[in-house]
Amino acid sequence: MPIPDPLPKQHHEIPQKAAKPLQAGAKVMSDFAEKVVSYLHVGPKAYEPDKSGRKFYEVKPDGTLGRLPFEFLNEDEVDFYKIGPHFDGKGFPDYEGTPVLRFNPRRKRVSDLNKYGRLWIVSDRAKKLFEHVDPEAFEFRPVEAIRSGKPLEGDPYWLCAPIRVLDAVDEDGSEIWISRQGEHYTYVTIHLTKLKLDVVGDAHEFSLIRYESTVIFDDVMVSEIKRAGLTGFIYLDLQSVERTNRLRPLHSLPPLVLPN
């Protein structure tokens, strides 16, 4: 196995700062709640090449496009933003009415992918592509879209909720920053990450247990999006050393250098 330079210590623990002394009348925290540690996990096969033949990407909306091109007019009235019925609250709760989006008349072009909190707002062509490539990975709800007081011209937009969650991280083959509280832990950042293909199966989209806020696409989904010319997507390769070295400084780690 190639040895990177420098090699971080496996399970190097960096405890959180000690809590301030409790004042009179303050609620006493349990010992369990106080024992929170963060550390870099380096699996024994973390720096071996991924020979699976599949590629996976963390997907984000393109933040370089500026502010959202719309605003919700009746979010409180419709109350669509409550916890959903799927794992980790994903998906849509039962709600009445239709969310209304007012698009900025100065923004003539709107991306196919936009994010609002935990939900996506996607174009009709993005919805059709998602349903074609991986129909069980998403839920959709209609919205009423207006611009300058009139219905938005062109194809509709949709609320979109990615709902699939998998326990798919191959921790033996990954470098991950972990936050642990007793027996429970979450991923703070996934640096250099391999996935368990037997768990992923034929899924093309999913989120990760212990890192549910992140959406993962495989190379099939990304290729279809690029072929269709959809806009608003940023793809971060889970096996990219360059990406890893953008994340490492967040935890005061030196750059990872792998031998050729």
Foldseek 3Di string as FASTA:
>chain_A
DFQWVPHDDAFDKDADDQDDDDDPPDDDDDPLVRGKIKGKHAAQQQPPDDPPPKWKWWKDFPCVVDDAQKDWDQCVPFVQPDFDDAPPSFDTDDTDDAIEIEGEPVDPDHAQWDDDVLKIKGFPVVVVLCCVQAVVQKDWDFHFYHYPRHGDPDGGIIIMIGGAEWQWWPSNHFIFIWMDRVPDIATPDTQQTDTHCVGCPSPQWYAYVSGRSIIMGMPVSVVSCVVVVGHGMDTHTNHDLVRNCVCQVVVPHHRIGTDD
